[in-house]
Amino acid sequence: MRAEAIENSGLPGPPEVAVTAPSQTRGQASPALAVLLGLSLSHLLNDLVQSLLPALYPLLKAGFHLDFGQIGLITFVFQGTASLLQPAVGLYTDRRPLPYSLAVGMVLSLAGLALLSVASAYGALLAAAALIGLGSAIFHPEASRVARLASGGRYGLAQSVFQVGGNAGTALGPLLAAFVVVPHGQGSVAWFCLAALAGILVLGMVGRWYAQRLATTPRTAGKSTGAASGRLSRVRIVATIAILLGLIFSKYFYMASFSSYYTFYLIHRFGVPVALAQVYLFVFLGAVAAGTILGGPIGDRFGRKLVIWISILGVLPFSLALPHVNLFWTVILSVPIGLILASAMPAILVYAQELLPGRIGLVGGLFFGFAFGVGGLGAALLGEIADHVGIERVYDLCAFLPALGLMAVFLPRLR
């Protein structure tokens, strides 16, 4: 019982528990569904708040007379802040879990959202982006740990439930922006502070459950290598983490072309109205949400490596075709691109947790942080490219990024 409690907590445990427990735990424990759903709902509200920022780009570009490079810099500040701080937060909370930091992160996002609604200068936009990024940095590592704690051993399912909330929030942001913010202007962003307040309440309840669970769960000091990672040398583990980060790079750099510039692409190439372009972005982001919920359970059933391999490289035929088709097929192709590409993240995260089972917070912070950083860097670079050679050329160049999925062939089989 002691070993099972340690494994379910996501805290450092003895080597034989960390990776071999999943098959045993599946038959002995059920996921804490109320907690997982609370995490998913709070992730939805958190990422809904965050997704309003890129959804506002067409409005901000016109209102503040920004070029694509300045738009990219806003994304870089937001995602760069989250990227740099998330691994540090995860490393710290591996040693000293902070249950109520989840709600604190949402408070910071609320402050950023409020500032965004009243910003009258470009510097205020950057400050709002930094606050929202800081809130994300605090939220994601601990939330990922709580999802593992509540998983009952079904780690892929738990990560999918947790992450699909975020994808749903990201998808809803542009849709709500199209019907609320675009007609009523920047000030209407303040209404979404209510969503942040709801998130704070939900995360307060999740934090209380987490604190109670920590108080009744035995902890052990030291690092755990786990059964699977124990068969691998330290050099191989580091190399495998590097491959996983490379796959994250290919996924999120390509995703940046959609999250930051897909609406501009549709408006510029096909003459689509702003509100309709936001709806088409919602279609893509809805497919991303669906892919996320599928990736974790499929990885639990058939293995993480297979899901990782298919979910990134499998996008390549569709990404290569996208820049050469009409509006109808552009929207159609965006669905399998989002669906297949998004299925990778739950599998990658759980795979990395199995490599480093005693460092759940660090893994969550590192991978979410790297994903945010790559997205921010991608947005900044792609914005500069768009300014110099045109937005259509961005999609010609990004079409080849999924080919980096070939790196998955070097991943070791853990079980």
Protein backbone atom coordinates (compact mmCIF):
# COMPACT_ATOMS: atom_id res chain seq x y z
CA MET A 1 0.00 0.00 0.00
CA ARG A 2 2.84 2.39 0.76
CA ALA A 3 4.37 1.87 -2.70
CA GLU A 4 0.99 2.33 -4.38
CA ALA A 5 0.39 5.60 -2.57
CA ILE A 6 3.79 6.93 -3.56
CA GLU A 7 3.29 5.99 -7.18
CA ASN A 8 -0.17 7.55 -7.37
CA SER A 9 1.12 10.74 -5.82
CA GLY A 10 3.64 11.45 -8.55
CA LEU A 11 6.29 11.92 -5.84
CA PRO A 12 9.71 10.23 -5.83
CA GLY A 13 9.38 6.55 -5.05
CA PRO A 14 11.46 3.36 -5.07
CA PRO A 15 12.75 2.22 -8.48
CA GLU A 16 10.46 -0.77 -8.79
CA VAL A 17 7.32 1.35 -8.34
CA ALA A 18 7.91 4.22 -10.72
CA VAL A 19 7.27 2.52 -14.07
CA THR A 20 6.09 -1.00 -13.42
CA ALA A 21 3.14 0.14 -11.32
CA PRO A 22 0.85 1.24 -14.17
CA SER A 23 -0.25 -2.25 -15.20
CA GLN A 24 -0.82 -3.22 -11.58
CA THR A 25 -2.52 -0.01 -10.60
CA ARG A 26 -4.99 -0.17 -13.43
CA GLY A 27 -6.59 -3.16 -11.82
CA GLN A 28 -6.51 -1.77 -8.27
CA ALA A 29 -7.45 1.92 -8.52
CA SER A 30 -9.70 4.21 -10.51
CA PRO A 31 -8.89 7.73 -11.58
CA ALA A 32 -10.18 10.49 -9.31
CA LEU A 33 -12.56 11.68 -12.02
CA ALA A 34 -13.92 14.69 -10.12
CA VAL A 35 -10.39 16.01 -9.68
CA LEU A 36 -9.44 15.32 -13.30
CA LEU A 37 -12.57 17.05 -14.54
CA GLY A 38 -11.86 19.99 -12.23
CA LEU A 39 -8.33 20.20 -13.61
CA SER A 40 -9.64 19.96 -17.17
CA LEU A 41 -12.21 22.70 -16.52
CA SER A 42 -9.62 24.96 -14.91
CA HIS A 43 -7.24 24.27 -17.81
CA LEU A 44 -10.05 25.24 -20.18
CA LEU A 45 -10.58 28.53 -18.33
CA ASN A 46 -6.83 29.18 -18.05
CA ASP A 47 -6.16 28.63 -21.75
CA LEU A 48 -9.35 30.43 -22.75
CA VAL A 49 -7.93 33.52 -21.05
CA GLN A 50 -4.56 32.98 -22.75
CA SER A 51 -6.02 32.33 -26.19
CA LEU A 52 -7.77 35.68 -26.21
CA LEU A 53 -4.39 37.35 -26.74
CA PRO A 54 -3.63 35.84 -30.19
CA ALA A 55 -7.33 35.99 -31.08
CA LEU A 56 -7.10 39.77 -30.64
CA TYR A 57 -4.14 40.16 -32.99
CA PRO A 58 -6.11 41.41 -36.02
CA LEU A 59 -7.86 43.98 -33.81
CA LEU A 60 -4.62 45.04 -32.10
CA LYS A 61 -2.73 45.19 -35.40
CA ALA A 62 -5.23 47.68 -36.78
CA GLY A 63 -5.78 49.64 -33.58
CA PHE A 64 -2.10 50.02 -32.63
CA HIS A 65 -0.73 50.07 -36.22
CA LEU A 66 1.51 47.04 -35.60
CA ASP A 67 3.51 45.07 -38.16
CA PHE A 68 3.86 41.28 -38.12
CA GLY A 69 7.19 41.53 -36.29
CA GLN A 70 5.56 43.42 -33.42
CA ILE A 71 2.74 40.86 -33.30
CA GLY A 72 5.34 38.11 -33.09
CA LEU A 73 7.11 39.94 -30.25
CA ILE A 74 3.90 39.96 -28.18
CA THR A 75 3.66 36.19 -28.58
CA PHE A 76 7.36 35.82 -27.82
CA VAL A 77 7.00 37.77 -24.54
CA PHE A 78 3.96 35.73 -23.49
CA GLN A 79 5.31 32.33 -24.41
CA GLY A 80 8.93 33.15 -23.59
CA THR A 81 7.97 34.11 -20.03
CA ALA A 82 6.12 30.86 -19.60
CA SER A 83 8.93 28.89 -21.20
CA LEU A 84 11.76 30.20 -19.04
CA LEU A 85 9.94 29.93 -15.73
CA GLN A 86 8.06 26.63 -16.05
CA PRO A 87 11.06 24.29 -15.63
CA ALA A 88 12.22 26.29 -12.57
CA VAL A 89 8.74 26.10 -11.05
CA GLY A 90 8.56 22.36 -11.75
CA LEU A 91 12.00 21.69 -10.23
CA TYR A 92 11.09 23.64 -7.09
CA THR A 93 7.72 21.95 -6.61
CA ASP A 94 9.30 18.50 -7.02
CA ARG A 95 10.96 19.23 -3.68
CA ARG A 96 8.24 21.39 -2.13
CA PRO A 97 4.79 20.89 -3.68
CA LEU A 98 2.62 24.04 -3.56
CA PRO A 99 -1.05 22.99 -3.86
CA TYR A 100 -2.50 26.49 -3.86
CA SER A 101 -0.03 27.84 -6.42
CA LEU A 102 -2.51 26.69 -9.06
CA ALA A 103 -4.97 29.37 -7.99
CA VAL A 104 -2.15 31.94 -7.69
CA GLY A 105 -1.21 31.34 -11.32
CA MET A 106 -4.78 32.06 -12.38
CA VAL A 107 -4.76 35.29 -10.35
CA LEU A 108 -1.78 36.50 -12.39
CA SER A 109 -3.54 35.57 -15.64
CA LEU A 110 -6.55 37.56 -14.42
CA ALA A 111 -4.33 40.59 -13.84
CA GLY A 112 -2.87 40.28 -17.34
CA LEU A 113 -6.33 39.98 -18.87
CA ALA A 114 -7.54 43.09 -17.02
CA LEU A 115 -4.51 45.05 -18.23
CA LEU A 116 -5.06 43.83 -21.79
CA SER A 117 -8.62 45.20 -21.74
CA VAL A 118 -7.45 48.75 -20.94
CA ALA A 119 -3.99 48.86 -22.58
CA SER A 120 -3.47 52.02 -24.60
CA ALA A 121 0.21 51.59 -25.55
CA TYR A 122 2.33 48.81 -27.05
CA GLY A 123 4.36 48.53 -23.83
CA ALA A 124 1.18 47.80 -21.86
CA LEU A 125 0.35 45.01 -24.32
CA LEU A 126 3.77 43.46 -23.67
CA ALA A 127 3.29 43.76 -19.89
CA ALA A 128 -0.13 42.08 -20.14
CA ALA A 129 1.42 39.29 -22.23
CA ALA A 130 4.15 38.80 -19.59
CA LEU A 131 1.60 38.54 -16.75
CA ILE A 132 -0.44 35.97 -18.65
CA GLY A 133 2.75 34.01 -19.39
CA LEU A 134 3.77 34.09 -15.73
CA GLY A 135 0.38 32.72 -14.72
CA SER A 136 0.82 29.89 -17.20
CA ALA A 137 4.31 29.11 -15.88
CA ILE A 138 2.96 28.64 -12.37
CA PHE A 139 -0.16 26.71 -13.41
CA HIS A 140 1.09 23.99 -15.74
CA PRO A 141 3.81 22.06 -13.80
CA GLU A 142 1.73 21.56 -10.63
CA ALA A 143 -1.44 20.86 -12.61
CA SER A 144 0.40 18.15 -14.56
CA ARG A 145 1.55 16.60 -11.28
CA VAL A 146 -1.99 16.63 -9.83
CA ALA A 147 -3.28 14.95 -13.02
CA ARG A 148 -0.79 12.12 -12.50
CA LEU A 149 -1.72 11.92 -8.81
CA ALA A 150 -5.40 11.57 -9.71
CA SER A 151 -4.81 9.12 -12.59
CA GLY A 152 -5.19 5.82 -10.75
CA GLY A 153 -2.34 4.55 -12.94
CA ARG A 154 -4.02 5.47 -16.25
CA TYR A 155 -1.45 8.16 -16.94
CA GLY A 156 -2.15 8.72 -20.62
CA LEU A 157 -5.89 9.06 -20.03
CA ALA A 158 -5.30 11.50 -17.16
CA GLN A 159 -2.97 13.67 -19.25
CA SER A 160 -5.42 13.67 -22.14
CA VAL A 161 -8.33 14.72 -19.90
CA PHE A 162 -6.17 17.46 -18.39
CA GLN A 163 -4.76 18.69 -21.69
CA VAL A 164 -8.01 18.55 -23.66
CA GLY A 165 -9.41 21.19 -21.33
CA GLY A 166 -6.59 23.50 -22.37
CA ASN A 167 -7.12 22.73 -26.04
CA ALA A 168 -10.85 23.36 -25.70
CA GLY A 169 -10.14 26.70 -24.04
CA THR A 170 -7.68 27.58 -26.79
CA ALA A 171 -10.32 26.70 -29.38
CA LEU A 172 -13.07 28.71 -27.68
CA GLY A 173 -10.93 31.86 -27.39
CA PRO A 174 -11.03 32.81 -31.10
CA LEU A 175 -14.73 31.90 -31.35
CA LEU A 176 -15.67 34.10 -28.40
CA ALA A 177 -13.38 36.82 -29.71
CA ALA A 178 -15.23 36.73 -33.02
CA PHE A 179 -18.66 37.17 -31.42
CA VAL A 180 -17.78 39.32 -28.39
CA VAL A 181 -14.51 41.22 -28.79
CA VAL A 182 -14.52 41.97 -32.53
CA PRO A 183 -18.01 43.60 -32.45
CA HIS A 184 -17.53 45.40 -29.11
CA GLY A 185 -13.84 46.28 -29.10
CA GLN A 186 -10.83 45.80 -26.82
CA GLY A 187 -12.65 46.88 -23.65
CA SER A 188 -14.99 43.89 -23.87
CA VAL A 189 -12.04 41.67 -22.93
CA ALA A 190 -12.80 42.64 -19.34
CA TRP A 191 -15.88 40.39 -19.40
CA PHE A 192 -13.58 37.38 -19.62
CA CYS A 193 -12.21 38.20 -16.18
CA LEU A 194 -15.28 36.29 -14.98
CA ALA A 195 -13.83 33.13 -16.55
CA ALA A 196 -10.56 33.72 -14.68
CA LEU A 197 -12.46 34.19 -11.41
CA ALA A 198 -14.28 30.89 -11.99
CA GLY A 199 -10.93 29.24 -12.61
CA ILE A 200 -9.59 30.57 -9.32
CA LEU A 201 -12.54 29.02 -7.45
CA VAL A 202 -12.14 25.63 -9.15
CA LEU A 203 -8.38 25.58 -8.57
CA GLY A 204 -8.90 26.49 -4.92
CA MET A 205 -10.96 23.29 -4.52
CA VAL A 206 -8.45 21.22 -6.48
CA GLY A 207 -5.64 22.66 -4.34
CA ARG A 208 -7.48 21.66 -1.17
CA TRP A 209 -7.80 18.05 -2.42
CA TYR A 210 -4.13 18.07 -3.38
CA ALA A 211 -3.08 19.40 0.03
CA GLN A 212 -5.12 16.72 1.79
CA ARG A 213 -3.64 14.02 -0.42
CA LEU A 214 -0.11 15.22 0.26
CA ALA A 215 -0.78 15.22 4.01
CA THR A 216 -1.83 11.54 3.94
CA THR A 217 0.67 10.24 1.36
CA PRO A 218 4.05 8.89 2.51
CA ARG A 219 7.03 10.59 0.90
CA THR A 220 10.54 9.34 0.34
CA ALA A 221 13.63 11.36 -0.23
CA GLY A 222 15.96 11.01 -3.15
CA LYS A 223 15.63 10.41 -6.84
CA SER A 224 13.98 7.52 -8.56
CA THR A 225 15.18 6.08 -11.82
CA GLY A 226 12.31 3.67 -12.44
CA ALA A 227 12.36 0.19 -13.97
CA ALA A 228 12.27 1.30 -17.58
CA SER A 229 14.80 4.08 -17.28
CA GLY A 230 16.96 1.85 -15.09
CA ARG A 231 17.71 -0.24 -18.18
CA LEU A 232 19.06 2.84 -19.96
CA SER A 233 22.30 4.65 -19.35
CA ARG A 234 22.25 8.28 -18.21
CA VAL A 235 23.58 9.32 -21.63
CA ARG A 236 20.76 7.44 -23.38
CA ILE A 237 18.16 9.02 -21.11
CA VAL A 238 19.51 12.51 -21.85
CA ALA A 239 19.61 11.74 -25.58
CA THR A 240 16.03 10.46 -25.46
CA ILE A 241 14.83 13.61 -23.70
CA ALA A 242 16.60 15.64 -26.40
CA ILE A 243 14.76 13.68 -29.12
CA LEU A 244 11.44 14.27 -27.38
CA LEU A 245 12.20 17.99 -27.20
CA GLY A 246 13.07 17.93 -30.90
CA LEU A 247 9.66 16.43 -31.61
CA ILE A 248 8.04 19.11 -29.47
CA PHE A 249 9.94 21.68 -31.56
CA SER A 250 8.52 20.35 -34.82
CA LYS A 251 4.99 20.24 -33.36
CA TYR A 252 4.83 23.65 -31.71
CA PHE A 253 6.80 25.61 -34.30
CA TYR A 254 4.33 24.40 -36.90
CA MET A 255 1.41 25.05 -34.53
CA ALA A 256 2.65 28.66 -34.14
CA SER A 257 1.92 29.24 -37.81
CA PHE A 258 -1.73 28.46 -37.10
CA SER A 259 -2.25 29.97 -33.65
CA SER A 260 -0.70 33.33 -34.57
CA TYR A 261 -1.08 33.69 -38.35
CA TYR A 262 -3.80 31.37 -39.68
CA THR A 263 -6.42 34.15 -39.55
CA PHE A 264 -4.08 36.53 -41.40
CA TYR A 265 -3.38 33.81 -44.00
CA LEU A 266 -7.10 33.28 -44.63
CA ILE A 267 -7.81 37.02 -44.75
CA HIS A 268 -4.89 37.83 -47.06
CA ARG A 269 -5.06 34.88 -49.44
CA PHE A 270 -8.80 34.28 -49.66
CA GLY A 271 -10.31 37.60 -48.57
CA VAL A 272 -12.12 36.01 -45.61
CA PRO A 273 -13.76 38.49 -43.15
CA VAL A 274 -12.13 38.69 -39.70
CA ALA A 275 -15.02 37.09 -37.81
CA LEU A 276 -15.24 34.17 -40.28
CA ALA A 277 -11.46 33.67 -40.11
CA GLN A 278 -11.81 33.29 -36.33
CA VAL A 279 -14.47 30.62 -36.89
CA TYR A 280 -12.12 28.72 -39.23
CA LEU A 281 -9.39 28.98 -36.59
CA PHE A 282 -11.89 27.47 -34.12
CA VAL A 283 -12.36 24.53 -36.52
CA PHE A 284 -8.62 23.86 -36.47
CA LEU A 285 -8.34 24.27 -32.70
CA GLY A 286 -11.37 22.04 -32.17
CA ALA A 287 -9.56 19.31 -34.11
CA VAL A 288 -6.54 19.89 -31.85
CA ALA A 289 -8.76 19.32 -28.80
CA ALA A 290 -10.14 16.08 -30.26
CA GLY A 291 -6.64 14.82 -31.06
CA THR A 292 -5.48 15.51 -27.52
CA ILE A 293 -8.23 13.43 -25.90
CA LEU A 294 -7.44 10.51 -28.24
CA GLY A 295 -3.65 10.49 -27.87
CA GLY A 296 -3.41 9.53 -24.19
CA PRO A 297 -5.76 6.48 -24.12
CA ILE A 298 -4.34 5.16 -27.39
CA GLY A 299 -0.86 5.44 -25.88
CA ASP A 300 -2.04 3.56 -22.77
CA ARG A 301 -3.37 0.79 -25.00
CA PHE A 302 -0.83 0.50 -27.82
CA GLY A 303 2.29 2.19 -26.46
CA ARG A 304 3.56 5.76 -26.41
CA LYS A 305 6.19 5.33 -29.13
CA LEU A 306 3.65 4.30 -31.76
CA VAL A 307 1.46 7.32 -31.00
CA ILE A 308 4.44 9.68 -31.06
CA TRP A 309 5.65 8.28 -34.36
CA ILE A 310 2.30 8.51 -36.15
CA SER A 311 1.10 11.76 -34.60
CA ILE A 312 3.95 13.93 -35.89
CA LEU A 313 5.18 12.29 -39.11
CA GLY A 314 1.58 11.48 -40.10
CA VAL A 315 0.84 15.18 -40.53
CA LEU A 316 3.36 15.58 -43.37
CA PRO A 317 1.13 14.72 -46.38
CA PHE A 318 -1.52 17.19 -45.22
CA SER A 319 0.92 19.99 -44.34
CA LEU A 320 2.58 19.70 -47.76
CA ALA A 321 -0.77 19.94 -49.55
CA LEU A 322 -2.22 22.83 -47.51
CA PRO A 323 -0.43 25.78 -49.20
CA HIS A 324 -1.62 24.69 -52.66
CA VAL A 325 -5.38 24.27 -52.24
CA ASN A 326 -8.42 26.55 -52.25
CA LEU A 327 -10.29 27.88 -49.20
CA PHE A 328 -12.61 24.87 -48.88
CA TRP A 329 -9.75 22.36 -48.86
CA THR A 330 -7.63 24.58 -46.62
CA VAL A 331 -10.31 24.34 -43.93
CA ILE A 332 -10.78 20.60 -44.56
CA LEU A 333 -7.04 19.85 -44.36
CA SER A 334 -6.70 21.84 -41.15
CA VAL A 335 -8.84 19.20 -39.39
CA PRO A 336 -6.55 16.14 -39.84
CA ILE A 337 -3.51 18.36 -39.26
CA GLY A 338 -4.84 19.47 -35.87
CA LEU A 339 -6.25 16.04 -34.98
CA ILE A 340 -3.10 14.02 -35.73
CA LEU A 341 -0.55 16.56 -34.52
CA ALA A 342 -2.22 17.13 -31.14
CA SER A 343 -2.30 13.44 -30.23
CA ALA A 344 1.47 13.56 -29.63
CA MET A 345 1.63 15.72 -26.50
CA PRO A 346 -0.01 13.40 -23.91
CA ALA A 347 2.09 10.47 -25.16
CA ILE A 348 5.32 12.51 -25.15
CA LEU A 349 4.70 13.82 -21.65
CA VAL A 350 3.90 10.42 -20.12
CA TYR A 351 6.85 8.85 -21.97
CA ALA A 352 9.15 11.47 -20.42
CA GLN A 353 7.60 10.93 -16.98
CA GLU A 354 8.42 7.23 -17.30
CA LEU A 355 12.02 8.15 -18.09
CA LEU A 356 12.23 10.50 -15.06
CA PRO A 357 9.52 9.24 -12.65
CA GLY A 358 10.96 11.11 -9.66
CA ARG A 359 10.84 14.44 -11.47
CA ILE A 360 7.20 14.85 -12.47
CA GLY A 361 7.12 18.61 -11.92
CA LEU A 362 10.40 19.13 -13.77
CA VAL A 363 9.15 17.06 -16.72
CA GLY A 364 5.88 18.99 -16.85
CA GLY A 365 7.65 22.33 -16.54
CA LEU A 366 10.36 21.43 -19.05
CA PHE A 367 8.04 20.14 -21.75
CA PHE A 368 5.22 22.65 -21.34
CA GLY A 369 7.81 25.40 -20.98
CA PHE A 370 9.74 24.28 -24.05
CA ALA A 371 6.50 24.05 -25.99
CA PHE A 372 5.59 27.61 -25.03
CA GLY A 373 9.10 28.83 -25.82
CA VAL A 374 9.16 27.19 -29.23
CA GLY A 375 5.71 28.59 -29.96
CA GLY A 376 6.86 32.08 -28.98
CA LEU A 377 10.09 31.84 -30.93
CA GLY A 378 8.22 30.44 -33.89
CA ALA A 379 5.70 33.27 -33.80
CA ALA A 380 8.45 35.89 -33.68
CA LEU A 381 10.48 34.34 -36.52
CA LEU A 382 7.47 33.61 -38.68
CA GLY A 383 6.26 37.18 -38.19
CA GLU A 384 9.55 38.51 -39.52
CA ILE A 385 9.41 36.09 -42.45
CA ALA A 386 5.84 37.19 -43.21
CA ASP A 387 6.90 40.85 -43.20
CA HIS A 388 9.69 40.17 -45.69
CA VAL A 389 8.34 37.51 -48.06
CA GLY A 390 4.59 37.35 -47.40
CA ILE A 391 2.29 35.30 -45.22
CA GLU A 392 1.72 32.63 -47.88
CA ARG A 393 5.44 31.82 -47.95
CA VAL A 394 5.29 31.04 -44.22
CA TYR A 395 3.07 28.03 -44.91
CA ASP A 396 5.26 26.87 -47.77
CA LEU A 397 8.27 26.74 -45.43
CA CYS A 398 6.49 25.30 -42.38
CA ALA A 399 5.00 22.45 -44.41
CA PHE A 400 8.23 20.45 -44.05
CA LEU A 401 8.50 20.69 -40.24
CA PRO A 402 6.53 17.46 -39.53
CA ALA A 403 9.32 15.55 -41.33
CA LEU A 404 11.30 15.94 -38.09
CA GLY A 405 9.02 13.22 -36.76
CA LEU A 406 11.51 10.77 -38.27
CA MET A 407 13.54 11.29 -35.07
CA ALA A 408 11.00 9.06 -33.28
CA VAL A 409 12.74 6.01 -34.75
CA PHE A 410 15.54 6.54 -32.20
CA LEU A 411 13.24 6.39 -29.17
CA PRO A 412 13.81 3.27 -27.02
CA ARG A 413 10.84 1.05 -26.21
CA LEU A 414 10.12 1.39 -22.50
CA ARG A 415 7.58 -1.40 -22.10
